[in-house]
């Protein structure tokens, strides 16, 4: 069985790329072919004379095997901004057909295609603001894993995101709480969300060093096994 899904977030910088990389490594260690795919990435980075994009570079850094560069991304824009604005600055237009065709092609080549969103669910992909990531996800006909924070504000952001996904009739595989530091507030936030949904959840602790991702051991493997049987 081939299993493909989106990693989406309640907001920007909630850890979608980290979770995508973790799931990629998990599947790779199971001996199956997995590819992360970031349709749109923004914000070019410069280190000395090297120019690169953080998301796809992160994938390559944590992969158990060499990843095919052209499989990882369709659109890259220099400005660290919403996709529609970053594209506009370069006189470009994001064509959803290109992204959907790329996903379809990858699904014929890999056991798991892990598509990563950009920002939150309603991030616009065109200047008019009437085409956003939710519409793209709906058109792809793939389920989603929702990544959220554990800090103050996460309850509201998480429930609003879940409501939007349900309105659009997009299947939700589960929720990943990222960056947990184990405070009483965070425990209550997580418990409140768990008690008010019927979704499986996974908690990823805060990583002081990103290289710890390679060695992280998560207790709840049921969530990960569920991804293998979508």
N, C-alpha and C. Protein backbone atom coordinates (compact mmCIF):
# COMPACT_ATOMS: atom_id res chain seq x y z
N UNK A 1 0.85 -1.20 0.00
CA UNK A 1 0.00 0.00 0.00
C UNK A 1 0.88 1.24 0.00
N UNK A 2 0.48 2.22 -0.82
CA UNK A 2 1.20 3.49 -0.80
C UNK A 2 0.43 4.47 0.06
N UNK A 3 1.14 5.26 0.83
CA UNK A 3 0.51 6.17 1.79
C UNK A 3 1.17 7.54 1.70
N UNK A 4 0.36 8.54 1.45
CA UNK A 4 0.86 9.88 1.24
C UNK A 4 -0.01 10.86 2.03
N UNK A 5 0.60 11.94 2.51
CA UNK A 5 -0.16 12.88 3.34
C UNK A 5 0.57 14.22 3.41
N UNK A 6 -0.15 15.20 3.96
CA UNK A 6 0.40 16.54 4.19
C UNK A 6 0.79 16.71 5.66
N UNK A 7 1.84 17.49 5.87
CA UNK A 7 2.17 18.01 7.19
C UNK A 7 1.79 19.50 7.16
N UNK A 8 0.78 19.88 7.93
CA UNK A 8 0.34 21.28 7.95
C UNK A 8 0.45 21.80 9.38
N UNK A 9 0.41 23.13 9.52
CA UNK A 9 0.59 23.71 10.85
C UNK A 9 -0.47 24.72 11.20
N UNK A 10 -0.59 25.00 12.48
CA UNK A 10 -1.52 26.01 12.95
C UNK A 10 -1.01 27.42 12.65
N UNK A 11 0.27 27.52 12.34
CA UNK A 11 0.88 28.83 12.10
C UNK A 11 2.25 28.60 11.49
N UNK A 12 2.97 29.68 11.24
CA UNK A 12 4.34 29.55 10.77
C UNK A 12 5.26 29.21 11.94
N UNK A 13 6.35 28.54 11.64
CA UNK A 13 7.38 28.20 12.64
C UNK A 13 6.87 27.32 13.78
N UNK A 14 5.91 26.44 13.50
CA UNK A 14 5.47 25.51 14.54
C UNK A 14 6.25 24.20 14.50
N UNK A 15 7.08 24.03 13.46
CA UNK A 15 7.90 22.82 13.38
C UNK A 15 7.49 21.85 12.29
N UNK A 16 6.85 22.33 11.25
CA UNK A 16 6.41 21.44 10.16
C UNK A 16 7.60 20.74 9.50
N UNK A 17 8.67 21.49 9.28
CA UNK A 17 9.83 20.91 8.60
C UNK A 17 10.49 19.85 9.48
N UNK A 18 10.59 20.13 10.76
CA UNK A 18 11.17 19.16 11.69
C UNK A 18 10.34 17.87 11.72
N UNK A 19 9.03 18.00 11.79
CA UNK A 19 8.16 16.83 11.82
C UNK A 19 8.24 16.07 10.49
N UNK A 20 8.27 16.81 9.39
CA UNK A 20 8.40 16.17 8.08
C UNK A 20 9.68 15.36 8.02
N UNK A 21 10.78 15.94 8.48
CA UNK A 21 12.07 15.24 8.46
C UNK A 21 12.05 14.02 9.37
N UNK A 22 11.39 14.14 10.52
CA UNK A 22 11.32 13.01 11.44
C UNK A 22 10.55 11.85 10.81
N UNK A 23 9.40 12.14 10.21
CA UNK A 23 8.62 11.08 9.58
C UNK A 23 9.38 10.46 8.41
N UNK A 24 10.11 11.29 7.67
CA UNK A 24 10.93 10.77 6.57
C UNK A 24 11.93 9.74 7.09
N UNK A 25 12.63 10.10 8.18
CA UNK A 25 13.62 9.18 8.75
C UNK A 25 12.96 7.92 9.29
N UNK A 26 11.79 8.08 9.90
CA UNK A 26 11.08 6.93 10.44
C UNK A 26 10.77 5.92 9.34
N UNK A 27 10.25 6.40 8.24
CA UNK A 27 9.90 5.49 7.14
C UNK A 27 11.16 4.90 6.51
N UNK A 28 12.21 5.69 6.39
CA UNK A 28 13.44 5.19 5.82
C UNK A 28 14.02 4.06 6.64
N UNK A 29 13.95 4.18 7.97
CA UNK A 29 14.46 3.11 8.84
C UNK A 29 13.61 1.84 8.74
N UNK A 30 12.39 1.98 8.23
CA UNK A 30 11.52 0.81 8.01
C UNK A 30 11.81 0.15 6.67
N UNK A 31 12.73 0.75 5.90
CA UNK A 31 13.12 0.15 4.63
C UNK A 31 12.20 0.45 3.47
N UNK A 32 11.38 1.52 3.61
CA UNK A 32 10.49 1.89 2.51
C UNK A 32 10.93 3.22 1.92
N UNK A 33 10.52 3.47 0.69
CA UNK A 33 10.93 4.69 0.00
C UNK A 33 10.03 5.85 0.42
N UNK A 34 10.65 6.89 0.98
CA UNK A 34 9.90 8.07 1.43
C UNK A 34 10.58 9.32 0.90
N UNK A 35 9.76 10.29 0.51
CA UNK A 35 10.30 11.55 0.01
C UNK A 35 9.56 12.72 0.64
N UNK A 36 10.25 13.70 1.19
CA UNK A 36 9.59 14.92 1.64
C UNK A 36 9.44 15.86 0.45
N UNK A 37 8.33 16.57 0.40
CA UNK A 37 8.08 17.49 -0.71
C UNK A 37 7.55 18.81 -0.17
N UNK A 38 8.30 19.87 -0.40
CA UNK A 38 7.90 21.21 0.00
C UNK A 38 7.55 21.97 -1.27
N UNK A 39 6.27 22.03 -1.63
CA UNK A 39 5.89 22.66 -2.90
C UNK A 39 6.40 24.08 -3.04
N UNK A 40 6.28 24.86 -1.95
CA UNK A 40 6.67 26.26 -2.00
C UNK A 40 7.52 26.58 -0.77
N UNK A 41 8.73 27.07 -0.99
CA UNK A 41 9.55 27.51 0.13
C UNK A 41 10.03 28.93 -0.13
N UNK A 42 10.14 29.69 0.94
CA UNK A 42 10.57 31.08 0.81
C UNK A 42 11.69 31.37 1.80
N UNK A 43 12.52 32.33 1.45
CA UNK A 43 13.59 32.77 2.35
C UNK A 43 14.91 32.10 2.07
N UNK A 44 15.67 32.64 1.14
CA UNK A 44 16.97 32.06 0.83
C UNK A 44 17.95 32.39 1.96
N UNK A 45 18.84 31.46 2.24
CA UNK A 45 19.81 31.62 3.31
C UNK A 45 21.21 31.67 2.72
N UNK A 46 22.09 32.43 3.39
CA UNK A 46 23.46 32.58 2.90
C UNK A 46 24.43 32.30 4.04
N UNK A 47 25.34 31.38 3.79
CA UNK A 47 26.42 31.08 4.74
C UNK A 47 27.73 31.10 3.96
N UNK A 48 28.55 32.09 4.27
CA UNK A 48 29.78 32.31 3.50
C UNK A 48 29.40 32.53 2.03
N UNK A 49 29.77 31.63 1.16
CA UNK A 49 29.43 31.78 -0.26
C UNK A 49 28.31 30.82 -0.68
N UNK A 50 27.77 30.10 0.27
CA UNK A 50 26.74 29.12 -0.06
C UNK A 50 25.35 29.72 0.07
N UNK A 51 24.53 29.55 -0.95
CA UNK A 51 23.15 30.00 -0.95
C UNK A 51 22.24 28.77 -0.96
N UNK A 52 21.27 28.72 -0.05
CA UNK A 52 20.40 27.55 0.02
C UNK A 52 19.08 27.92 0.68
N UNK A 53 18.13 27.00 0.58
CA UNK A 53 16.83 27.17 1.23
C UNK A 53 16.75 26.21 2.41
N UNK A 54 16.34 26.74 3.55
CA UNK A 54 16.42 25.99 4.80
C UNK A 54 15.63 24.70 4.84
N UNK A 55 14.42 24.69 4.28
CA UNK A 55 13.57 23.51 4.40
C UNK A 55 14.15 22.30 3.67
N UNK A 56 14.45 22.47 2.38
CA UNK A 56 14.97 21.34 1.62
C UNK A 56 16.38 20.95 2.08
N UNK A 57 17.15 21.93 2.55
CA UNK A 57 18.47 21.61 3.09
C UNK A 57 18.34 20.78 4.36
N UNK A 58 17.33 21.10 5.16
CA UNK A 58 17.07 20.34 6.39
C UNK A 58 16.71 18.90 6.05
N UNK A 59 15.88 18.71 5.05
CA UNK A 59 15.54 17.35 4.62
C UNK A 59 16.80 16.56 4.30
N UNK A 60 17.66 17.17 3.49
CA UNK A 60 18.87 16.47 3.03
C UNK A 60 19.81 16.16 4.19
N UNK A 61 19.86 17.07 5.16
CA UNK A 61 20.76 16.87 6.30
C UNK A 61 20.37 15.68 7.16
N UNK A 62 19.06 15.42 7.25
CA UNK A 62 18.59 14.37 8.16
C UNK A 62 18.14 13.10 7.46
N UNK A 63 18.30 13.05 6.16
CA UNK A 63 17.89 11.86 5.43
C UNK A 63 18.89 10.73 5.61
N UNK A 64 18.38 9.52 5.65
CA UNK A 64 19.21 8.33 5.74
C UNK A 64 19.84 8.00 4.39
N UNK A 65 19.35 8.62 3.33
CA UNK A 65 19.85 8.34 1.99
C UNK A 65 19.88 9.64 1.19
N UNK A 66 20.56 9.60 0.07
CA UNK A 66 20.65 10.79 -0.79
C UNK A 66 19.29 11.05 -1.42
N UNK A 67 18.80 12.28 -1.29
CA UNK A 67 17.51 12.66 -1.85
C UNK A 67 17.69 13.30 -3.22
N UNK A 68 16.75 13.03 -4.10
CA UNK A 68 16.79 13.62 -5.45
C UNK A 68 16.32 15.06 -5.36
N UNK A 69 17.20 15.99 -5.68
CA UNK A 69 16.94 17.42 -5.49
C UNK A 69 15.64 17.89 -6.14
N UNK A 70 15.42 17.50 -7.37
CA UNK A 70 14.25 18.00 -8.10
C UNK A 70 12.93 17.42 -7.60
N UNK A 71 13.00 16.40 -6.75
CA UNK A 71 11.79 15.83 -6.18
C UNK A 71 11.31 16.59 -4.95
N UNK A 72 12.15 17.46 -4.41
CA UNK A 72 11.88 18.06 -3.10
C UNK A 72 11.04 19.33 -3.14
N UNK A 73 10.98 20.00 -4.29
CA UNK A 73 10.41 21.35 -4.30
C UNK A 73 9.99 21.74 -5.72
N UNK A 74 8.98 22.63 -5.79
CA UNK A 74 8.55 23.16 -7.09
C UNK A 74 8.83 24.66 -7.22
N UNK A 75 8.59 25.41 -6.13
CA UNK A 75 8.78 26.86 -6.17
C UNK A 75 9.64 27.30 -4.98
N UNK A 76 10.66 28.10 -5.28
CA UNK A 76 11.51 28.69 -4.23
C UNK A 76 11.65 30.19 -4.50
N UNK A 77 11.38 30.98 -3.46
CA UNK A 77 11.44 32.44 -3.60
C UNK A 77 12.36 33.01 -2.52
N UNK A 78 13.08 34.06 -2.87
CA UNK A 78 14.13 34.59 -2.00
C UNK A 78 13.60 35.26 -0.74
N UNK A 79 12.50 35.98 -0.84
CA UNK A 79 11.98 36.74 0.31
C UNK A 79 11.34 35.82 1.34
N UNK A 80 11.72 35.92 2.63
CA UNK A 80 11.07 35.12 3.67
C UNK A 80 9.70 35.72 3.99
N UNK A 81 8.69 35.32 3.23
CA UNK A 81 7.37 35.93 3.35
C UNK A 81 6.31 34.94 2.91
N UNK A 82 5.05 35.35 3.02
CA UNK A 82 3.95 34.52 2.52
C UNK A 82 4.19 34.20 1.04
N UNK A 83 3.87 32.98 0.60
CA UNK A 83 4.15 32.58 -0.77
C UNK A 83 3.65 33.56 -1.83
N UNK A 84 2.44 34.08 -1.66
CA UNK A 84 1.88 34.97 -2.68
C UNK A 84 2.71 36.25 -2.81
N UNK A 85 3.18 36.77 -1.70
CA UNK A 85 3.96 38.01 -1.71
C UNK A 85 5.38 37.76 -2.22
N UNK A 86 6.00 36.68 -1.76
CA UNK A 86 7.34 36.33 -2.22
C UNK A 86 7.36 36.09 -3.72
N UNK A 87 6.31 35.45 -4.23
CA UNK A 87 6.22 35.20 -5.67
C UNK A 87 6.02 36.51 -6.42
N UNK A 88 5.16 37.37 -5.91
CA UNK A 88 4.88 38.65 -6.55
C UNK A 88 6.14 39.49 -6.70
N UNK A 89 7.00 39.48 -5.68
CA UNK A 89 8.22 40.27 -5.71
C UNK A 89 9.15 39.82 -6.83
N UNK A 90 9.01 38.57 -7.25
CA UNK A 90 9.87 38.05 -8.32
C UNK A 90 9.13 37.96 -9.65
N UNK A 91 7.92 38.54 -9.69
CA UNK A 91 7.15 38.51 -10.93
C UNK A 91 6.70 37.13 -11.32
N UNK A 92 6.53 36.25 -10.34
CA UNK A 92 6.16 34.86 -10.60
C UNK A 92 4.73 34.59 -10.19
N UNK A 93 4.17 33.53 -10.73
CA UNK A 93 2.82 33.09 -10.39
C UNK A 93 2.90 31.62 -9.98
N UNK A 94 2.32 31.28 -8.86
CA UNK A 94 2.29 29.89 -8.39
C UNK A 94 1.14 29.17 -9.09
N UNK A 95 1.46 28.13 -9.82
CA UNK A 95 0.46 27.35 -10.56
C UNK A 95 0.18 26.08 -9.79
N UNK A 96 -1.04 25.96 -9.25
CA UNK A 96 -1.37 24.78 -8.46
C UNK A 96 -1.30 23.50 -9.27
N UNK A 97 -1.53 23.60 -10.58
CA UNK A 97 -1.48 22.41 -11.44
C UNK A 97 -0.07 21.81 -11.44
N UNK A 98 0.93 22.67 -11.40
CA UNK A 98 2.32 22.20 -11.36
C UNK A 98 2.56 21.39 -10.08
N UNK A 99 2.05 21.90 -8.97
CA UNK A 99 2.23 21.22 -7.67
C UNK A 99 1.48 19.89 -7.65
N UNK A 100 0.24 19.90 -8.09
CA UNK A 100 -0.57 18.68 -8.08
C UNK A 100 0.02 17.62 -9.01
N UNK A 101 0.54 18.03 -10.15
CA UNK A 101 1.18 17.08 -11.06
C UNK A 101 2.45 16.51 -10.45
N UNK A 102 3.18 17.35 -9.73
CA UNK A 102 4.41 16.90 -9.07
C UNK A 102 4.08 15.84 -8.02
N UNK A 103 3.03 16.09 -7.23
CA UNK A 103 2.62 15.13 -6.21
C UNK A 103 2.22 13.81 -6.85
N UNK A 104 1.44 13.89 -7.92
CA UNK A 104 0.99 12.67 -8.62
C UNK A 104 2.18 11.87 -9.14
N UNK A 105 3.16 12.56 -9.67
CA UNK A 105 4.36 11.88 -10.17
C UNK A 105 5.12 11.21 -9.03
N UNK A 106 5.30 11.93 -7.93
CA UNK A 106 6.03 11.36 -6.80
C UNK A 106 5.33 10.13 -6.23
N UNK A 107 4.01 10.14 -6.24
CA UNK A 107 3.26 9.01 -5.69
C UNK A 107 3.47 7.73 -6.49
N UNK A 108 3.88 7.87 -7.74
CA UNK A 108 4.17 6.67 -8.54
C UNK A 108 5.59 6.15 -8.29
N UNK A 109 6.39 6.95 -7.59
CA UNK A 109 7.80 6.62 -7.40
C UNK A 109 8.17 6.23 -5.97
N UNK A 110 7.33 6.67 -4.99
CA UNK A 110 7.67 6.46 -3.58
C UNK A 110 6.51 5.83 -2.83
N UNK A 111 6.86 5.10 -1.77
CA UNK A 111 5.84 4.50 -0.90
C UNK A 111 5.15 5.57 -0.06
N UNK A 112 5.92 6.59 0.34
CA UNK A 112 5.38 7.68 1.16
C UNK A 112 5.84 9.01 0.59
N UNK A 113 4.88 9.86 0.24
CA UNK A 113 5.17 11.23 -0.13
C UNK A 113 4.65 12.11 1.00
N UNK A 114 5.56 12.84 1.65
CA UNK A 114 5.21 13.68 2.78
C UNK A 114 5.26 15.13 2.31
N UNK A 115 4.09 15.70 2.05
CA UNK A 115 4.00 17.06 1.54
C UNK A 115 3.94 18.05 2.70
N UNK A 116 4.77 19.06 2.66
CA UNK A 116 4.79 20.05 3.74
C UNK A 116 4.17 21.37 3.30
N UNK A 117 3.24 21.87 4.09
CA UNK A 117 2.62 23.16 3.80
C UNK A 117 3.53 24.32 4.12
N UNK A 118 3.01 25.53 3.94
CA UNK A 118 3.77 26.75 4.25
C UNK A 118 2.90 27.63 5.14
N UNK A 119 3.41 27.99 6.31
CA UNK A 119 2.63 28.81 7.22
C UNK A 119 1.40 28.07 7.71
N UNK A 120 0.30 28.82 7.89
CA UNK A 120 -0.94 28.21 8.32
C UNK A 120 -1.81 27.78 7.15
N UNK A 121 -3.02 27.32 7.45
CA UNK A 121 -3.88 26.74 6.43
C UNK A 121 -4.40 27.75 5.42
N UNK A 122 -4.64 28.97 5.85
CA UNK A 122 -5.22 29.97 4.96
C UNK A 122 -4.18 30.89 4.33
N UNK A 123 -2.94 30.48 4.32
CA UNK A 123 -1.90 31.26 3.66
C UNK A 123 -2.22 31.33 2.16
N UNK A 124 -2.33 32.53 1.61
CA UNK A 124 -2.70 32.66 0.19
C UNK A 124 -1.55 32.29 -0.74
N UNK A 125 -1.93 31.75 -1.90
CA UNK A 125 -0.94 31.38 -2.90
C UNK A 125 -1.01 32.27 -4.14
N UNK A 126 -1.99 33.19 -4.16
CA UNK A 126 -2.06 34.14 -5.27
C UNK A 126 -2.30 35.55 -4.74
N UNK A 127 -2.11 36.54 -5.59
CA UNK A 127 -2.22 37.93 -5.16
C UNK A 127 -3.64 38.30 -4.75
N UNK A 128 -4.62 37.66 -5.34
CA UNK A 128 -6.01 37.96 -5.02
C UNK A 128 -6.40 37.44 -3.64
N UNK A 129 -5.65 36.47 -3.13
CA UNK A 129 -5.92 35.92 -1.81
C UNK A 129 -7.06 34.93 -1.76
N UNK A 130 -7.58 34.54 -2.93
CA UNK A 130 -8.72 33.61 -2.94
C UNK A 130 -8.32 32.17 -3.22
N UNK A 131 -7.02 31.93 -3.35
CA UNK A 131 -6.54 30.54 -3.48
C UNK A 131 -5.49 30.34 -2.40
N UNK A 132 -5.77 29.45 -1.48
CA UNK A 132 -4.89 29.25 -0.34
C UNK A 132 -4.55 27.78 -0.19
N UNK A 133 -3.73 27.48 0.81
CA UNK A 133 -3.25 26.11 0.97
C UNK A 133 -4.38 25.12 1.21
N UNK A 134 -5.44 25.55 1.88
CA UNK A 134 -6.55 24.63 2.11
C UNK A 134 -7.14 24.12 0.79
N UNK A 135 -7.28 25.01 -0.18
CA UNK A 135 -7.81 24.60 -1.48
C UNK A 135 -6.87 23.63 -2.18
N UNK A 136 -5.56 23.90 -2.07
CA UNK A 136 -4.58 23.01 -2.67
C UNK A 136 -4.63 21.63 -2.04
N UNK A 137 -4.71 21.60 -0.73
CA UNK A 137 -4.78 20.32 -0.02
C UNK A 137 -6.04 19.56 -0.41
N UNK A 138 -7.15 20.26 -0.48
CA UNK A 138 -8.41 19.63 -0.88
C UNK A 138 -8.30 19.02 -2.27
N UNK A 139 -7.70 19.74 -3.20
CA UNK A 139 -7.55 19.25 -4.56
C UNK A 139 -6.63 18.03 -4.63
N UNK A 140 -5.66 17.96 -3.73
CA UNK A 140 -4.72 16.83 -3.74
C UNK A 140 -5.38 15.54 -3.27
N UNK A 141 -6.48 15.67 -2.54
CA UNK A 141 -7.23 14.52 -2.00
C UNK A 141 -6.39 13.68 -1.04
N UNK A 142 -5.47 14.35 -0.34
CA UNK A 142 -4.64 13.66 0.64
C UNK A 142 -5.01 14.11 2.05
N UNK A 143 -4.85 13.22 3.04
CA UNK A 143 -5.12 13.58 4.44
C UNK A 143 -4.00 14.43 5.01
N UNK A 144 -4.20 14.93 6.23
CA UNK A 144 -3.20 15.81 6.84
C UNK A 144 -2.85 15.36 8.26
N UNK A 145 -1.64 15.70 8.65
CA UNK A 145 -1.20 15.67 10.04
C UNK A 145 -1.04 17.12 10.45
N UNK A 146 -1.68 17.51 11.55
CA UNK A 146 -1.63 18.90 12.01
C UNK A 146 -0.57 19.07 13.08
N UNK A 147 0.38 19.98 12.85
CA UNK A 147 1.43 20.29 13.82
C UNK A 147 1.04 21.55 14.58
N UNK A 148 1.15 21.50 15.90
CA UNK A 148 0.80 22.65 16.71
C UNK A 148 1.81 22.83 17.84
N UNK A 149 1.74 23.99 18.49
CA UNK A 149 2.62 24.27 19.61
C UNK A 149 2.04 23.69 20.91
N UNK A 150 2.82 23.79 21.96
CA UNK A 150 2.35 23.39 23.29
C UNK A 150 2.15 24.59 24.19
N UNK A 151 2.59 25.76 23.74
CA UNK A 151 2.58 26.96 24.59
C UNK A 151 1.20 27.62 24.66
N UNK A 152 1.15 28.71 25.41
CA UNK A 152 -0.06 29.50 25.55
C UNK A 152 -0.58 29.93 24.18
N UNK A 153 -1.88 29.74 23.94
CA UNK A 153 -2.49 30.08 22.67
C UNK A 153 -2.74 28.91 21.77
N UNK A 154 -2.12 27.76 22.09
CA UNK A 154 -2.23 26.62 21.18
C UNK A 154 -3.63 26.02 21.15
N UNK A 155 -4.39 26.12 22.24
CA UNK A 155 -5.73 25.54 22.25
C UNK A 155 -6.61 26.22 21.19
N UNK A 156 -6.61 27.53 21.20
CA UNK A 156 -7.42 28.27 20.22
C UNK A 156 -6.95 28.01 18.79
N UNK A 157 -5.65 28.10 18.57
CA UNK A 157 -5.11 27.90 17.22
C UNK A 157 -5.39 26.49 16.71
N UNK A 158 -5.27 25.53 17.59
CA UNK A 158 -5.48 24.13 17.19
C UNK A 158 -6.94 23.87 16.84
N UNK A 159 -7.85 24.32 17.69
CA UNK A 159 -9.27 24.08 17.42
C UNK A 159 -9.75 24.83 16.17
N UNK A 160 -9.25 26.04 15.95
CA UNK A 160 -9.61 26.77 14.74
C UNK A 160 -9.12 26.04 13.49
N UNK A 161 -7.91 25.50 13.55
CA UNK A 161 -7.35 24.77 12.41
C UNK A 161 -8.12 23.47 12.16
N UNK A 162 -8.45 22.76 13.22
CA UNK A 162 -9.23 21.54 13.07
C UNK A 162 -10.60 21.82 12.48
N UNK A 163 -11.21 22.92 12.93
CA UNK A 163 -12.53 23.30 12.41
C UNK A 163 -12.45 23.60 10.91
N UNK A 164 -11.41 24.32 10.51
CA UNK A 164 -11.25 24.64 9.09
C UNK A 164 -11.08 23.38 8.25
N UNK A 165 -10.29 22.45 8.73
CA UNK A 165 -10.07 21.19 8.01
C UNK A 165 -11.37 20.39 7.89
N UNK A 166 -12.16 20.39 8.95
CA UNK A 166 -13.43 19.67 8.92
C UNK A 166 -14.41 20.32 7.96
N UNK A 167 -14.45 21.65 7.94
CA UNK A 167 -15.34 22.36 7.02
C UNK A 167 -14.99 22.01 5.57
N UNK A 168 -13.72 21.90 5.30
CA UNK A 168 -13.27 21.56 3.95
C UNK A 168 -13.28 20.06 3.68
N UNK A 169 -13.71 19.30 4.68
CA UNK A 169 -13.83 17.84 4.56
C UNK A 169 -12.49 17.20 4.17
N UNK A 170 -11.44 17.67 4.84
CA UNK A 170 -10.11 17.12 4.65
C UNK A 170 -9.82 16.14 5.79
N UNK A 171 -9.52 14.89 5.51
CA UNK A 171 -9.26 13.90 6.55
C UNK A 171 -8.05 14.29 7.40
N UNK A 172 -8.18 14.10 8.71
CA UNK A 172 -7.11 14.44 9.65
C UNK A 172 -6.57 13.15 10.27
N UNK A 173 -5.30 12.88 10.05
CA UNK A 173 -4.69 11.66 10.59
C UNK A 173 -4.44 11.78 12.08
N UNK A 174 -3.99 12.96 12.52
CA UNK A 174 -3.68 13.16 13.93
C UNK A 174 -3.02 14.50 14.16
N UNK A 175 -2.66 14.72 15.42
CA UNK A 175 -2.06 15.99 15.84
C UNK A 175 -0.67 15.72 16.41
N UNK A 176 0.30 16.54 16.02
CA UNK A 176 1.65 16.48 16.60
C UNK A 176 1.87 17.75 17.41
N UNK A 177 2.14 17.58 18.70
CA UNK A 177 2.51 18.70 19.57
C UNK A 177 4.02 18.82 19.53
N UNK A 178 4.52 19.95 19.07
CA UNK A 178 5.96 20.09 18.90
C UNK A 178 6.56 21.11 19.89
N UNK A 179 7.71 20.78 20.42
CA UNK A 179 8.46 21.70 21.28
C UNK A 179 8.09 21.64 22.75
N UNK A 180 7.57 20.51 23.20
CA UNK A 180 7.12 20.39 24.59
C UNK A 180 8.28 20.46 25.57
N UNK A 181 8.11 21.30 26.60
CA UNK A 181 9.12 21.42 27.66
C UNK A 181 8.63 20.81 28.97
N UNK A 182 7.42 20.25 28.96
CA UNK A 182 6.94 19.54 30.13
C UNK A 182 6.40 20.38 31.25
N UNK A 183 6.08 21.66 31.00
CA UNK A 183 5.53 22.50 32.06
C UNK A 183 4.09 22.10 32.35
N UNK A 184 3.58 22.53 33.50
CA UNK A 184 2.20 22.20 33.85
C UNK A 184 1.21 22.84 32.87
N UNK A 185 1.52 24.04 32.42
CA UNK A 185 0.66 24.69 31.42
C UNK A 185 0.60 23.87 30.14
N UNK A 186 1.75 23.41 29.68
CA UNK A 186 1.79 22.63 28.44
C UNK A 186 1.05 21.30 28.61
N UNK A 187 1.22 20.67 29.77
CA UNK A 187 0.51 19.41 30.02
C UNK A 187 -1.00 19.62 29.95
N UNK A 188 -1.46 20.74 30.52
CA UNK A 188 -2.88 21.03 30.51
C UNK A 188 -3.36 21.36 29.10
N UNK A 189 -2.57 22.11 28.35
CA UNK A 189 -2.93 22.42 26.96
C UNK A 189 -3.11 21.15 26.14
N UNK A 190 -2.13 20.26 26.26
CA UNK A 190 -2.17 19.00 25.50
C UNK A 190 -3.38 18.17 25.93
N UNK A 191 -3.57 18.06 27.22
CA UNK A 191 -4.69 17.25 27.74
C UNK A 191 -6.04 17.82 27.29
N UNK A 192 -6.17 19.13 27.32
CA UNK A 192 -7.43 19.77 26.92
C UNK A 192 -7.75 19.47 25.45
N UNK A 193 -6.75 19.56 24.60
CA UNK A 193 -6.96 19.27 23.18
C UNK A 193 -7.27 17.79 22.97
N UNK A 194 -6.54 16.93 23.66
CA UNK A 194 -6.78 15.49 23.53
C UNK A 194 -8.19 15.11 23.96
N UNK A 195 -8.66 15.72 25.04
CA UNK A 195 -9.98 15.39 25.58
C UNK A 195 -11.12 15.86 24.68
N UNK A 196 -10.83 16.82 23.83
CA UNK A 196 -11.88 17.40 22.99
C UNK A 196 -11.75 17.01 21.52
N UNK A 197 -10.93 16.04 21.23
CA UNK A 197 -10.84 15.48 19.88
C UNK A 197 -10.78 13.97 20.00
N UNK A 198 -11.07 13.30 18.91
CA UNK A 198 -10.95 11.84 18.89
C UNK A 198 -9.76 11.43 18.03
N UNK A 199 -8.76 12.30 17.96
CA UNK A 199 -7.62 12.07 17.09
C UNK A 199 -6.41 11.55 17.88
N UNK A 200 -5.63 10.68 17.27
CA UNK A 200 -4.37 10.27 17.91
C UNK A 200 -3.41 11.44 17.96
N UNK A 201 -2.55 11.47 18.96
CA UNK A 201 -1.61 12.57 19.10
C UNK A 201 -0.19 12.04 19.35
N UNK A 202 0.77 12.89 19.04
CA UNK A 202 2.17 12.58 19.25
C UNK A 202 2.82 13.82 19.83
N UNK A 203 3.64 13.66 20.86
CA UNK A 203 4.30 14.79 21.51
C UNK A 203 5.81 14.72 21.25
N UNK A 204 6.35 15.78 20.67
CA UNK A 204 7.79 15.85 20.41
C UNK A 204 8.39 16.88 21.38
N UNK A 205 9.38 16.48 22.15
CA UNK A 205 9.98 17.41 23.12
C UNK A 205 10.78 18.50 22.43
N UNK A 206 11.00 19.59 23.14
CA UNK A 206 11.84 20.66 22.60
C UNK A 206 13.26 20.15 22.44
N UNK A 207 13.84 20.40 21.28
CA UNK A 207 15.19 19.96 21.01
C UNK A 207 16.15 21.14 21.15
N UNK A 208 17.11 21.01 22.05
CA UNK A 208 18.08 22.08 22.23
C UNK A 208 19.03 22.16 21.04
N UNK A 209 19.33 21.01 20.49
CA UNK A 209 20.18 20.93 19.31
C UNK A 209 19.42 20.13 18.26
N UNK A 210 19.28 20.70 17.06
CA UNK A 210 18.47 20.05 16.04
C UNK A 210 19.02 18.69 15.63
N UNK A 211 20.32 18.49 15.82
CA UNK A 211 20.88 17.19 15.49
C UNK A 211 20.31 16.09 16.38
N UNK A 212 19.69 16.49 17.51
CA UNK A 212 19.07 15.49 18.39
C UNK A 212 17.92 14.78 17.69
N UNK A 213 17.42 15.34 16.61
CA UNK A 213 16.33 14.73 15.87
C UNK A 213 16.71 13.33 15.39
N UNK A 214 17.99 13.14 15.12
CA UNK A 214 18.43 11.84 14.62
C UNK A 214 18.33 10.75 15.68
N UNK A 215 18.38 11.16 16.94
CA UNK A 215 18.40 10.18 18.03
C UNK A 215 17.14 10.17 18.88
N UNK A 216 16.18 11.02 18.55
CA UNK A 216 14.99 11.14 19.38
C UNK A 216 14.20 9.83 19.38
N UNK A 217 13.77 9.43 20.55
CA UNK A 217 12.97 8.22 20.71
C UNK A 217 11.61 8.62 21.27
N UNK A 218 10.57 8.45 20.46
CA UNK A 218 9.23 8.82 20.89
C UNK A 218 8.48 7.59 21.37
N UNK A 219 7.79 7.68 22.52
CA UNK A 219 7.13 6.52 23.10
C UNK A 219 5.91 6.04 22.34
N UNK A 220 5.21 6.94 21.65
CA UNK A 220 3.94 6.58 21.02
C UNK A 220 4.17 6.18 19.56
N UNK A 221 4.40 4.89 19.32
CA UNK A 221 4.61 4.44 17.95
C UNK A 221 3.29 4.16 17.25
N UNK A 222 2.19 4.09 17.98
CA UNK A 222 0.88 3.85 17.36
C UNK A 222 0.57 4.93 16.34
N UNK A 223 0.91 6.15 16.67
CA UNK A 223 0.67 7.26 15.76
C UNK A 223 1.43 7.05 14.46
N UNK A 224 2.70 6.68 14.58
CA UNK A 224 3.53 6.49 13.40
C UNK A 224 3.08 5.28 12.60
N UNK A 225 2.66 4.25 13.28
CA UNK A 225 2.16 3.07 12.56
C UNK A 225 0.88 3.41 11.82
N UNK A 226 0.09 4.31 12.36
CA UNK A 226 -1.14 4.72 11.71
C UNK A 226 -0.86 5.36 10.36
N UNK A 227 0.26 6.06 10.26
CA UNK A 227 0.63 6.70 9.01
C UNK A 227 0.95 5.67 7.93
N UNK A 228 1.28 4.48 8.32
CA UNK A 228 1.60 3.41 7.38
C UNK A 228 0.36 2.69 6.89
N UNK A 229 -0.79 3.06 7.41
CA UNK A 229 -2.02 2.33 7.03
C UNK A 229 -3.17 3.28 6.73
N UNK A 230 -2.84 4.46 6.18
CA UNK A 230 -3.87 5.43 5.83
C UNK A 230 -4.78 4.85 4.75
